[in-house]
C-alpha atoms as a PDB file:
ATOM      1  CA  UNK A   1      32.662 -11.555  -2.121  1.00  0.00           C
ATOM      2  CA  UNK A   2      35.806  -9.212  -3.057  1.00  0.00           C
ATOM      3  CA  UNK A   3      35.377  -6.077  -5.395  1.00  0.00           C
ATOM      4  CA  UNK A   4      38.042  -4.719  -7.007  1.00  0.00           C
ATOM      5  CA  UNK A   5      36.363  -1.404  -7.793  1.00  0.00           C
ATOM      6  CA  UNK A   6      33.157   0.580  -6.829  1.00  0.00           C
ATOM      7  CA  UNK A   7      31.766  -0.200 -10.375  1.00  0.00           C
ATOM      8  CA  UNK A   8      32.321  -4.121  -9.862  1.00  0.00           C
ATOM      9  CA  UNK A   9      30.024  -3.276  -6.217  1.00  0.00           C
ATOM     10  CA  UNK A  10      27.560  -1.547  -8.009  1.00  0.00           C
ATOM     11  CA  UNK A  11      27.449  -4.119 -10.733  1.00  0.00           C
ATOM     12  CA  UNK A  12      26.995  -7.111  -8.030  1.00  0.00           C
ATOM     13  CA  UNK A  13      27.815  -9.198 -10.457  1.00  0.00           C
ATOM     14  CA  UNK A  14      25.236  -8.162 -13.877  1.00  0.00           C
ATOM     15  CA  UNK A  15      22.463  -8.194 -10.760  1.00  0.00           C
ATOM     16  CA  UNK A  16      23.429  -4.602  -9.649  1.00  0.00           C
ATOM     17  CA  UNK A  17      19.956  -3.608 -11.416  1.00  0.00           C
ATOM     18  CA  UNK A  18      17.559  -5.762  -9.617  1.00  0.00           C
ATOM     19  CA  UNK A  19      19.560  -5.423  -6.402  1.00  0.00           C
ATOM     20  CA  UNK A  20      19.663  -1.536  -6.508  1.00  0.00           C
ATOM     21  CA  UNK A  21      16.204  -1.622  -7.549  1.00  0.00           C
ATOM     22  CA  UNK A  22      14.820  -3.851  -4.813  1.00  0.00           C
ATOM     23  CA  UNK A  23      16.973  -1.679  -2.562  1.00  0.00           C
ATOM     24  CA  UNK A  24      15.163   1.511  -3.403  1.00  0.00           C
ATOM     25  CA  UNK A  25      12.013   0.108  -3.417  1.00  0.00           C
ATOM     26  CA  UNK A  26      12.262  -1.141  -0.262  1.00  0.00           C
ATOM     27  CA  UNK A  27      13.574   2.064   1.151  1.00  0.00           C
ATOM     28  CA  UNK A  28      10.448   3.999  -0.482  1.00  0.00           C
ATOM     29  CA  UNK A  29       8.119   1.858   1.451  1.00  0.00           C
ATOM     30  CA  UNK A  30      10.109   1.878   4.522  1.00  0.00           C
ATOM     31  CA  UNK A  31       9.232   5.633   4.048  1.00  0.00           C
ATOM     32  CA  UNK A  32       5.837   5.898   2.629  1.00  0.00           C
ATOM     33  CA  UNK A  33       4.607   3.602   5.191  1.00  0.00           C
ATOM     34  CA  UNK A  34       4.385   6.018   8.560  1.00  0.00           C
ATOM     35  CA  UNK A  35       3.736   8.270   6.576  1.00  0.00           C
ATOM     36  CA  UNK A  36       0.387   6.569   5.529  1.00  0.00           C
ATOM     37  CA  UNK A  37      -0.016   5.414   8.693  1.00  0.00           C
ATOM     38  CA  UNK A  38      -0.167   8.697  10.208  1.00  0.00           C
ATOM     39  CA  UNK A  39      -2.069  10.154   7.662  1.00  0.00           C
ATOM     40  CA  UNK A  40      -5.139   7.224   8.239  1.00  0.00           C
ATOM     41  CA  UNK A  41      -5.014   8.114  11.842  1.00  0.00           C
ATOM     42  CA  UNK A  42      -5.432  11.908  11.370  1.00  0.00           C
ATOM     43  CA  UNK A  43      -8.499  10.706   9.061  1.00  0.00           C
ATOM     44  CA  UNK A  44      -9.861   8.668  11.651  1.00  0.00           C
ATOM     45  CA  UNK A  45      -9.356  10.909  14.801  1.00  0.00           C
ATOM     46  CA  UNK A  46     -11.426  13.697  12.704  1.00  0.00           C
ATOM     47  CA  UNK A  47     -14.060  11.709  11.424  1.00  0.00           C
ATOM     48  CA  UNK A  48     -14.338  10.196  14.911  1.00  0.00           C
ATOM     49  CA  UNK A  49     -14.701  13.441  16.322  1.00  0.00           C
ATOM     50  CA  UNK A  50     -17.264  14.361  13.613  1.00  0.00           C
ATOM     51  CA  UNK A  51     -19.410  11.932  14.291  1.00  0.00           C
ATOM     52  CA  UNK A  52     -19.205  12.503  18.076  1.00  0.00           C
ATOM     53  CA  UNK A  53     -19.917  16.217  18.116  1.00  0.00           C
ATOM     54  CA  UNK A  54     -22.867  15.249  15.582  1.00  0.00           C
ATOM     55  CA  UNK A  55     -24.575  12.775  18.285  1.00  0.00           C
ATOM     56  CA  UNK A  56     -24.155  15.333  20.926  1.00  0.00           C
ATOM     57  CA  UNK A  57     -27.566  17.084  21.287  1.00  0.00           C
ATOM     58  CA  UNK A  58     -27.582  20.436  21.029  1.00  0.00           C
ATOM     59  CA  UNK A  59     -29.973  23.416  23.174  1.00  0.00           C
ATOM     60  CA  UNK A  60     -31.793  26.165  21.346  1.00  0.00           C
ATOM     61  CA  UNK A  61     -28.881  28.857  21.706  1.00  0.00           C
ATOM     62  CA  UNK A  62     -26.629  26.488  19.985  1.00  0.00           C
ATOM     63  CA  UNK A  63     -24.428  25.493  22.882  1.00  0.00           C
ATOM     64  CA  UNK A  64     -23.604  21.503  23.307  1.00  0.00           C
ATOM     65  CA  UNK A  65     -25.153  20.162  26.273  1.00  0.00           C
ATOM     66  CA  UNK A  66     -23.022  17.622  28.354  1.00  0.00           C
ATOM     67  CA  UNK A  67     -25.906  16.529  30.796  1.00  0.00           C
ATOM     68  CA  UNK A  68     -25.188  12.928  32.177  1.00  0.00           C
ATOM     69  CA  UNK A  69     -21.353  12.648  30.479  1.00  0.00           C
ATOM     70  CA  UNK A  70     -18.319  12.205  32.566  1.00  0.00           C
ATOM     71  CA  UNK A  71     -16.215  13.865  29.552  1.00  0.00           C
ATOM     72  CA  UNK A  72     -16.406  15.558  26.655  1.00  0.00           C
ATOM     73  CA  UNK A  73     -14.102  12.952  24.818  1.00  0.00           C
ATOM     74  CA  UNK A  74     -14.862  11.291  21.973  1.00  0.00           C
ATOM     75  CA  UNK A  75     -14.947   7.792  24.229  1.00  0.00           C
ATOM     76  CA  UNK A  76     -16.462   9.169  27.259  1.00  0.00           C
ATOM     77  CA  UNK A  77     -19.520   6.783  28.579  1.00  0.00           C
ATOM     78  CA  UNK A  78     -23.025   7.906  30.023  1.00  0.00           C
ATOM     79  CA  UNK A  79     -23.651   7.786  33.782  1.00  0.00           C
ATOM     80  CA  UNK A  80     -26.292   5.527  34.567  1.00  0.00           C
ATOM     81  CA  UNK A  81     -29.491   7.772  36.098  1.00  0.00           C
ATOM     82  CA  UNK A  82     -30.451   5.165  38.659  1.00  0.00           C
END
């Protein structure tokens, strides 16, 4: 297509509102999606950390006991005591 002016280009043959509206909506979604994914990941990590701390046995002095654990990360597995 060939446009004689910027206003003709923006009008897009009387379909400009639909075309540019679609472009704006898509741009907003492309910006919002990664932000929402990061926000959800942060919430998940925080929830897993809280769950992990809640599952750890607590000694009388209030410190956490890590007996039998190979690591303090939430993905650590217990060693067998065979």
